[in-house]
Amino acid sequence: MTGEPPAITTVHDGVARLTLNNPRRKNAITLEMAGLIEDFCARVHADDSIGAVLVDAAGGYFCSGADTRDLAAASDDPAAPESVAE
């Protein structure tokens, strides 16, 4: 999926759609993807014309959770609250 964003967002006729696009990693959520999801949620919240949200994923898996490579890189204790705090 080189060159493609890790999350694809669209809005059409009052329906916002978020597609997780990291199928090679079973759509594990990376830090970049989390940022895109946060931006998408803010957009949905701010747009009163959006009446529905559809969340789906590319490939054969919906989402395997957080990308453990990002968590491991965060600290020696990737499960510690400060490791995932903004």
C-alpha atoms as a PDB file:
ATOM      1  CA  MET A   1       0.000   0.000   0.000  1.00  0.00           C
ATOM      2  CA  THR A   2       2.905   2.329  -0.652  1.00  0.00           C
ATOM      3  CA  GLY A   3       1.836   5.916  -1.085  1.00  0.00           C
ATOM      4  CA  GLU A   4      -1.659   5.371   0.271  1.00  0.00           C
ATOM      5  CA  PRO A   5      -2.774   7.020   3.521  1.00  0.00           C
ATOM      6  CA  PRO A   6      -3.211   4.744   6.555  1.00  0.00           C
ATOM      7  CA  ALA A   7      -6.770   6.013   6.964  1.00  0.00           C
ATOM      8  CA  ILE A   8      -9.110   7.217   4.232  1.00  0.00           C
ATOM      9  CA  THR A   9     -11.922   9.625   5.035  1.00  0.00           C
ATOM     10  CA  THR A  10     -14.829  10.852   2.951  1.00  0.00           C
ATOM     11  CA  VAL A  11     -18.070  12.726   3.501  1.00  0.00           C
ATOM     12  CA  HIS A  12     -20.948  12.310   1.058  1.00  0.00           C
ATOM     13  CA  ASP A  13     -24.640  13.125   1.472  1.00  0.00           C
ATOM     14  CA  GLY A  14     -24.412  13.464   5.252  1.00  0.00           C
ATOM     15  CA  VAL A  15     -22.489  10.225   5.760  1.00  0.00           C
ATOM     16  CA  ALA A  16     -18.883  10.348   6.946  1.00  0.00           C
ATOM     17  CA  ARG A  17     -16.765   7.288   6.238  1.00  0.00           C
ATOM     18  CA  LEU A  18     -13.496   6.260   7.855  1.00  0.00           C
ATOM     19  CA  THR A  19     -11.623   3.366   6.289  1.00  0.00           C
ATOM     20  CA  LEU A  20      -8.659   1.928   8.166  1.00  0.00           C
ATOM     21  CA  ASN A  21      -6.047   1.298   5.490  1.00  0.00           C
ATOM     22  CA  ASN A  22      -3.202  -0.722   6.967  1.00  0.00           C
ATOM     23  CA  PRO A  23      -4.111  -4.237   5.770  1.00  0.00           C
ATOM     24  CA  ARG A  24      -0.525  -5.522   5.763  1.00  0.00           C
ATOM     25  CA  ARG A  25      -0.569  -5.077   9.579  1.00  0.00           C
ATOM     26  CA  LYS A  26      -4.192  -6.254  10.012  1.00  0.00           C
ATOM     27  CA  ASN A  27      -5.180  -2.577  10.243  1.00  0.00           C
ATOM     28  CA  ALA A  28      -3.216  -2.072  13.459  1.00  0.00           C
ATOM     29  CA  ILE A  29      -3.532   1.564  14.496  1.00  0.00           C
ATOM     30  CA  THR A  30      -0.256   3.451  14.162  1.00  0.00           C
ATOM     31  CA  LEU A  31       0.460   6.849  15.683  1.00  0.00           C
ATOM     32  CA  GLU A  32      -0.068   8.439  12.261  1.00  0.00           C
ATOM     33  CA  MET A  33      -3.390   6.639  11.848  1.00  0.00           C
ATOM     34  CA  ALA A  34      -4.481   7.700  15.346  1.00  0.00           C
ATOM     35  CA  GLY A  35      -3.832  11.319  14.413  1.00  0.00           C
ATOM     36  CA  LEU A  36      -5.912  10.963  11.253  1.00  0.00           C
ATOM     37  CA  ILE A  37      -8.739   9.363  13.241  1.00  0.00           C
ATOM     38  CA  GLU A  38      -8.620  12.201  15.768  1.00  0.00           C
ATOM     39  CA  ASP A  39      -8.819  14.783  12.947  1.00  0.00           C
ATOM     40  CA  PHE A  40     -11.721  12.872  11.388  1.00  0.00           C
ATOM     41  CA  CYS A  41     -13.635  12.817  14.686  1.00  0.00           C
ATOM     42  CA  ALA A  42     -13.128  16.561  15.125  1.00  0.00           C
ATOM     43  CA  ARG A  43     -14.421  17.136  11.594  1.00  0.00           C
ATOM     44  CA  VAL A  44     -17.509  15.017  12.251  1.00  0.00           C
ATOM     45  CA  HIS A  45     -18.141  16.785  15.541  1.00  0.00           C
ATOM     46  CA  ALA A  46     -17.912  20.218  13.917  1.00  0.00           C
ATOM     47  CA  ASP A  47     -20.101  19.430  10.878  1.00  0.00           C
ATOM     48  CA  ASP A  48     -23.830  19.439  11.678  1.00  0.00           C
ATOM     49  CA  SER A  49     -24.609  18.150   8.178  1.00  0.00           C
ATOM     50  CA  ILE A  50     -23.099  14.751   9.064  1.00  0.00           C
ATOM     51  CA  GLY A  51     -25.825  12.472  10.372  1.00  0.00           C
ATOM     52  CA  ALA A  52     -24.069   9.110  10.240  1.00  0.00           C
ATOM     53  CA  VAL A  53     -20.574   7.670  10.450  1.00  0.00           C
ATOM     54  CA  LEU A  54     -19.436   4.444   8.811  1.00  0.00           C
ATOM     55  CA  VAL A  55     -16.196   2.831   9.961  1.00  0.00           C
ATOM     56  CA  ASP A  56     -14.720   0.014   7.915  1.00  0.00           C
ATOM     57  CA  ALA A  57     -11.333  -1.368   6.934  1.00  0.00           C
ATOM     58  CA  ALA A  58      -9.351  -2.459   3.909  1.00  0.00           C
ATOM     59  CA  GLY A  59      -8.429  -6.116   3.619  1.00  0.00           C
ATOM     60  CA  GLY A  60      -9.683  -9.113   5.534  1.00  0.00           C
ATOM     61  CA  TYR A  61      -9.401  -7.746   9.089  1.00  0.00           C
ATOM     62  CA  PHE A  62     -11.199  -4.887  10.786  1.00  0.00           C
ATOM     63  CA  CYS A  63      -8.528  -3.865  13.322  1.00  0.00           C
ATOM     64  CA  SER A  64      -6.007  -5.819  15.357  1.00  0.00           C
ATOM     65  CA  GLY A  65      -5.565  -3.007  17.915  1.00  0.00           C
ATOM     66  CA  ALA A  66      -2.615  -0.701  18.438  1.00  0.00           C
ATOM     67  CA  ASP A  67       0.523  -1.227  16.396  1.00  0.00           C
ATOM     68  CA  THR A  68       2.874  -2.805  18.930  1.00  0.00           C
ATOM     69  CA  ARG A  69       5.919  -1.364  17.150  1.00  0.00           C
ATOM     70  CA  ASP A  70       4.744   2.143  18.084  1.00  0.00           C
ATOM     71  CA  LEU A  71       4.081   1.081  21.662  1.00  0.00           C
ATOM     72  CA  ALA A  72       7.483  -0.580  22.011  1.00  0.00           C
ATOM     73  CA  ALA A  73       9.234   2.491  20.643  1.00  0.00           C
ATOM     74  CA  ALA A  74       7.463   4.717  23.194  1.00  0.00           C
ATOM     75  CA  SER A  75       9.495   3.521  26.187  1.00  0.00           C
ATOM     76  CA  ASP A  76      10.941   0.616  28.064  1.00  0.00           C
ATOM     77  CA  ASP A  77       7.442   0.058  29.507  1.00  0.00           C
ATOM     78  CA  PRO A  78       5.092   0.489  26.529  1.00  0.00           C
ATOM     79  CA  ALA A  79       2.019  -0.204  28.669  1.00  0.00           C
ATOM     80  CA  ALA A  80       2.802   2.641  31.094  1.00  0.00           C
ATOM     81  CA  PRO A  81       0.278   5.528  30.969  1.00  0.00           C
ATOM     82  CA  GLU A  82       2.998   8.073  30.144  1.00  0.00           C
ATOM     83  CA  SER A  83       4.020   6.014  27.108  1.00  0.00           C
ATOM     84  CA  VAL A  84       0.706   6.593  25.384  1.00  0.00           C
ATOM     85  CA  ALA A  85      -0.125  10.075  26.724  1.00  0.00           C
ATOM     86  CA  GLU A  86      -0.119  12.970  24.299  1.00  0.00           C
END
